[in-house]
Amino acid sequence: MKKACVLTAYAVAALTLAGCGAATIAPNYQSTNPDLMRIGGDTPSQKEPETINMGSYCLQVVDKWKTDGKTPDGQTIWTKDSFRKVIPCR
């Protein structure tokens, strides 16, 4: 019984090492919507706050780009925060 447990432990260790040594999938840093995330380059341009008339009230939308880390190859990851605030209509 002891031999079977030792053999099983070696088999699990060998499978684990083989799995870790296999080729990994290359990361893909792309977004289907580049208005939300961009990779590399300088800070994306900030646009002016937008006011949307919702009928009985207005909504002010402000978008701000921020750096959100780096890719393994050193490119900056840019993500966009969107802030919404209810304001009176003019």
N, C-alpha and C. Protein backbone atom coordinates (compact mmCIF):
# COMPACT_ATOMS: atom_id res chain seq x y z
N MET A 1 0.82 -1.19 0.00
CA MET A 1 0.00 0.00 0.00
C MET A 1 0.87 1.26 0.00
N LYS A 2 1.94 1.22 0.79
CA LYS A 2 2.83 2.37 0.87
C LYS A 2 3.49 2.64 -0.48
N LYS A 3 3.85 1.58 -1.21
CA LYS A 3 4.47 1.73 -2.53
C LYS A 3 3.50 2.38 -3.51
N ALA A 4 2.22 2.01 -3.44
CA ALA A 4 1.22 2.57 -4.33
C ALA A 4 1.04 4.07 -4.07
N CYS A 5 1.04 4.48 -2.80
CA CYS A 5 0.91 5.90 -2.45
C CYS A 5 2.11 6.70 -2.95
N VAL A 6 3.30 6.16 -2.78
CA VAL A 6 4.52 6.84 -3.23
C VAL A 6 4.51 6.95 -4.75
N LEU A 7 4.11 5.87 -5.44
CA LEU A 7 4.05 5.87 -6.89
C LEU A 7 3.02 6.89 -7.39
N THR A 8 1.88 6.97 -6.72
CA THR A 8 0.85 7.94 -7.08
C THR A 8 1.36 9.36 -6.88
N ALA A 9 2.06 9.62 -5.79
CA ALA A 9 2.60 10.95 -5.52
C ALA A 9 3.61 11.35 -6.59
N TYR A 10 4.47 10.41 -7.00
CA TYR A 10 5.43 10.70 -8.07
C TYR A 10 4.73 10.97 -9.39
N ALA A 11 3.68 10.22 -9.67
CA ALA A 11 2.93 10.41 -10.92
C ALA A 11 2.27 11.78 -10.94
N VAL A 12 1.69 12.19 -9.83
CA VAL A 12 1.05 13.51 -9.75
C VAL A 12 2.10 14.61 -9.92
N ALA A 13 3.25 14.45 -9.28
CA ALA A 13 4.32 15.44 -9.40
C ALA A 13 4.83 15.52 -10.84
N ALA A 14 4.97 14.38 -11.50
CA ALA A 14 5.44 14.37 -12.88
C ALA A 14 4.43 15.03 -13.81
N LEU A 15 3.15 14.77 -13.62
CA LEU A 15 2.12 15.41 -14.44
C LEU A 15 2.08 16.92 -14.22
N THR A 16 2.25 17.33 -12.97
CA THR A 16 2.25 18.76 -12.66
C THR A 16 3.42 19.46 -13.34
N LEU A 17 4.60 18.87 -13.26
CA LEU A 17 5.78 19.47 -13.91
C LEU A 17 5.63 19.48 -15.42
N ALA A 18 5.05 18.43 -15.99
CA ALA A 18 4.85 18.39 -17.44
C ALA A 18 3.86 19.46 -17.87
N GLY A 19 2.81 19.66 -17.09
CA GLY A 19 1.82 20.68 -17.43
C GLY A 19 2.39 22.09 -17.34
N CYS A 20 3.22 22.34 -16.35
CA CYS A 20 3.83 23.66 -16.19
C CYS A 20 4.90 23.92 -17.25
N GLY A 21 5.51 22.87 -17.75
CA GLY A 21 6.57 23.03 -18.73
C GLY A 21 6.05 23.16 -20.16
N ALA A 22 4.77 22.91 -20.36
CA ALA A 22 4.20 23.01 -21.71
C ALA A 22 4.14 24.47 -22.15
N ALA A 23 4.08 24.67 -23.44
CA ALA A 23 4.02 26.03 -23.99
C ALA A 23 2.74 26.72 -23.50
N THR A 24 2.90 27.95 -23.08
CA THR A 24 1.75 28.70 -22.61
C THR A 24 1.13 29.49 -23.75
N ILE A 25 -0.10 29.89 -23.56
CA ILE A 25 -0.80 30.68 -24.57
C ILE A 25 -0.31 32.11 -24.51
N ALA A 26 0.03 32.66 -25.64
CA ALA A 26 0.50 34.05 -25.68
C ALA A 26 -0.66 34.98 -25.32
N PRO A 27 -0.42 35.96 -24.43
CA PRO A 27 -1.50 36.86 -24.04
C PRO A 27 -1.93 37.76 -25.20
N ASN A 28 -3.20 38.06 -25.24
CA ASN A 28 -3.76 38.93 -26.26
C ASN A 28 -4.33 40.17 -25.56
N TYR A 29 -3.68 41.29 -25.70
CA TYR A 29 -4.11 42.52 -25.05
C TYR A 29 -4.88 43.38 -26.04
N GLN A 30 -6.07 42.96 -26.37
CA GLN A 30 -6.92 43.74 -27.25
C GLN A 30 -8.31 43.78 -26.66
N SER A 31 -8.99 44.85 -26.93
CA SER A 31 -10.37 45.00 -26.49
C SER A 31 -11.25 45.10 -27.72
N THR A 32 -12.44 44.51 -27.64
CA THR A 32 -13.37 44.64 -28.75
C THR A 32 -13.93 46.05 -28.81
N ASN A 33 -13.77 46.82 -27.73
CA ASN A 33 -14.25 48.20 -27.69
C ASN A 33 -13.09 49.11 -27.27
N PRO A 34 -12.35 49.71 -28.22
CA PRO A 34 -11.20 50.54 -27.86
C PRO A 34 -11.60 51.83 -27.15
N ASP A 35 -12.89 52.11 -27.03
CA ASP A 35 -13.32 53.27 -26.26
C ASP A 35 -13.23 53.02 -24.76
N LEU A 36 -13.02 51.76 -24.34
CA LEU A 36 -12.94 51.43 -22.92
C LEU A 36 -11.52 51.11 -22.45
N MET A 37 -10.69 50.55 -23.35
CA MET A 37 -9.34 50.15 -22.97
C MET A 37 -8.41 50.28 -24.17
N ARG A 38 -7.20 50.77 -23.91
CA ARG A 38 -6.17 50.87 -24.96
C ARG A 38 -4.84 50.41 -24.40
N ILE A 39 -4.01 49.91 -25.28
CA ILE A 39 -2.70 49.41 -24.90
C ILE A 39 -1.63 50.28 -25.54
N GLY A 40 -0.67 50.73 -24.72
CA GLY A 40 0.48 51.48 -25.21
C GLY A 40 0.16 52.91 -25.60
N GLY A 41 1.20 53.60 -25.99
CA GLY A 41 1.06 54.98 -26.45
C GLY A 41 0.92 55.96 -25.30
N ASP A 42 0.63 57.21 -25.68
CA ASP A 42 0.44 58.27 -24.70
C ASP A 42 -1.00 58.26 -24.19
N THR A 43 -1.26 59.12 -23.21
CA THR A 43 -2.60 59.23 -22.64
C THR A 43 -3.60 59.56 -23.75
N PRO A 44 -4.68 58.78 -23.88
CA PRO A 44 -5.71 59.12 -24.87
C PRO A 44 -6.30 60.50 -24.54
N SER A 45 -6.79 61.18 -25.56
CA SER A 45 -7.30 62.54 -25.35
C SER A 45 -8.57 62.51 -24.51
N GLN A 46 -8.65 63.48 -23.60
CA GLN A 46 -9.83 63.64 -22.76
C GLN A 46 -10.84 64.49 -23.51
N LYS A 47 -12.09 64.07 -23.54
CA LYS A 47 -13.09 64.90 -24.19
C LYS A 47 -13.84 65.73 -23.16
N GLU A 48 -14.48 66.76 -23.62
CA GLU A 48 -15.22 67.66 -22.74
C GLU A 48 -16.41 66.92 -22.11
N PRO A 49 -16.84 67.36 -20.91
CA PRO A 49 -18.03 66.74 -20.31
C PRO A 49 -19.23 66.87 -21.24
N GLU A 50 -20.04 65.84 -21.27
CA GLU A 50 -21.20 65.80 -22.15
C GLU A 50 -22.47 65.87 -21.30
N THR A 51 -23.43 66.68 -21.71
CA THR A 51 -24.71 66.78 -21.01
C THR A 51 -25.79 66.12 -21.87
N ILE A 52 -26.50 65.17 -21.27
CA ILE A 52 -27.55 64.43 -21.98
C ILE A 52 -28.89 64.77 -21.35
N ASN A 53 -29.84 65.21 -22.17
CA ASN A 53 -31.18 65.53 -21.68
C ASN A 53 -31.97 64.22 -21.58
N MET A 54 -32.38 63.87 -20.36
CA MET A 54 -33.10 62.63 -20.12
C MET A 54 -34.61 62.86 -19.98
N GLY A 55 -35.09 64.03 -20.35
CA GLY A 55 -36.51 64.34 -20.23
C GLY A 55 -36.76 65.23 -19.04
N SER A 56 -36.93 64.64 -17.87
CA SER A 56 -37.22 65.43 -16.66
C SER A 56 -35.95 65.88 -15.94
N TYR A 57 -34.81 65.40 -16.35
CA TYR A 57 -33.53 65.81 -15.75
C TYR A 57 -32.44 65.66 -16.80
N CYS A 58 -31.28 66.20 -16.49
CA CYS A 58 -30.12 66.07 -17.39
C CYS A 58 -29.03 65.29 -16.70
N LEU A 59 -28.22 64.64 -17.49
CA LEU A 59 -27.14 63.81 -16.97
C LEU A 59 -25.82 64.33 -17.54
N GLN A 60 -24.89 64.63 -16.66
CA GLN A 60 -23.56 65.06 -17.10
C GLN A 60 -22.63 63.85 -17.06
N VAL A 61 -21.97 63.58 -18.18
CA VAL A 61 -21.08 62.42 -18.29
C VAL A 61 -19.66 62.93 -18.51
N VAL A 62 -18.75 62.52 -17.62
CA VAL A 62 -17.34 62.90 -17.72
C VAL A 62 -16.52 61.62 -17.83
N ASP A 63 -15.71 61.51 -18.89
CA ASP A 63 -14.84 60.35 -19.09
C ASP A 63 -13.40 60.74 -18.81
N LYS A 64 -12.72 59.90 -18.02
CA LYS A 64 -11.30 60.16 -17.69
C LYS A 64 -10.50 58.89 -17.93
N TRP A 65 -9.38 59.04 -18.64
CA TRP A 65 -8.47 57.92 -18.88
C TRP A 65 -7.47 57.83 -17.75
N LYS A 66 -7.14 56.61 -17.33
CA LYS A 66 -6.13 56.41 -16.28
C LYS A 66 -5.24 55.23 -16.66
N THR A 67 -4.03 55.25 -16.15
CA THR A 67 -3.11 54.13 -16.36
C THR A 67 -3.50 53.03 -15.38
N ASP A 68 -3.58 51.81 -15.87
CA ASP A 68 -4.06 50.71 -15.04
C ASP A 68 -3.08 49.54 -15.07
N GLY A 69 -1.78 49.87 -15.03
CA GLY A 69 -0.76 48.83 -15.01
C GLY A 69 -0.02 48.74 -16.33
N LYS A 70 0.76 47.67 -16.46
CA LYS A 70 1.56 47.46 -17.66
C LYS A 70 1.42 46.01 -18.10
N THR A 71 1.59 45.79 -19.40
CA THR A 71 1.60 44.44 -19.94
C THR A 71 2.97 43.82 -19.63
N PRO A 72 3.10 42.50 -19.75
CA PRO A 72 4.41 41.89 -19.49
C PRO A 72 5.54 42.44 -20.37
N ASP A 73 5.20 42.95 -21.56
CA ASP A 73 6.24 43.52 -22.41
C ASP A 73 6.44 45.03 -22.18
N GLY A 74 5.84 45.57 -21.10
CA GLY A 74 6.12 46.94 -20.69
C GLY A 74 5.22 48.03 -21.26
N GLN A 75 4.19 47.67 -22.01
CA GLN A 75 3.29 48.69 -22.55
C GLN A 75 2.27 49.10 -21.48
N THR A 76 1.90 50.36 -21.51
CA THR A 76 0.93 50.88 -20.55
C THR A 76 -0.48 50.45 -20.93
N ILE A 77 -1.26 50.04 -19.93
CA ILE A 77 -2.66 49.72 -20.13
C ILE A 77 -3.47 50.93 -19.70
N TRP A 78 -4.27 51.49 -20.62
CA TRP A 78 -5.12 52.64 -20.34
C TRP A 78 -6.57 52.17 -20.24
N THR A 79 -7.25 52.55 -19.16
CA THR A 79 -8.67 52.24 -19.02
C THR A 79 -9.43 53.54 -18.78
N LYS A 80 -10.70 53.54 -19.15
CA LYS A 80 -11.50 54.75 -19.04
C LYS A 80 -12.51 54.60 -17.92
N ASP A 81 -12.55 55.62 -17.04
CA ASP A 81 -13.58 55.72 -16.02
C ASP A 81 -14.63 56.69 -16.53
N SER A 82 -15.89 56.37 -16.30
CA SER A 82 -16.98 57.22 -16.73
C SER A 82 -17.77 57.65 -15.49
N PHE A 83 -17.84 58.95 -15.27
CA PHE A 83 -18.54 59.50 -14.11
C PHE A 83 -19.82 60.16 -14.58
N ARG A 84 -20.93 59.85 -13.90
CA ARG A 84 -22.23 60.41 -14.26
C ARG A 84 -22.80 61.18 -13.06
N LYS A 85 -23.41 62.32 -13.35
CA LYS A 85 -23.98 63.15 -12.29
C LYS A 85 -25.25 63.79 -12.83
N VAL A 86 -26.31 63.75 -12.01
CA VAL A 86 -27.56 64.40 -12.37
C VAL A 86 -27.43 65.89 -12.14
N ILE A 87 -27.81 66.67 -13.15
CA ILE A 87 -27.76 68.13 -13.05
C ILE A 87 -29.08 68.70 -13.57
N PRO A 88 -29.42 69.93 -13.15
CA PRO A 88 -30.65 70.53 -13.69
C PRO A 88 -30.45 70.89 -15.17
N CYS A 89 -31.51 70.74 -15.95
CA CYS A 89 -31.45 71.10 -17.37
C CYS A 89 -31.49 72.62 -17.51
N ARG A 90 -30.85 73.14 -18.54
CA ARG A 90 -30.85 74.58 -18.79
C ARG A 90 -31.85 74.93 -19.85
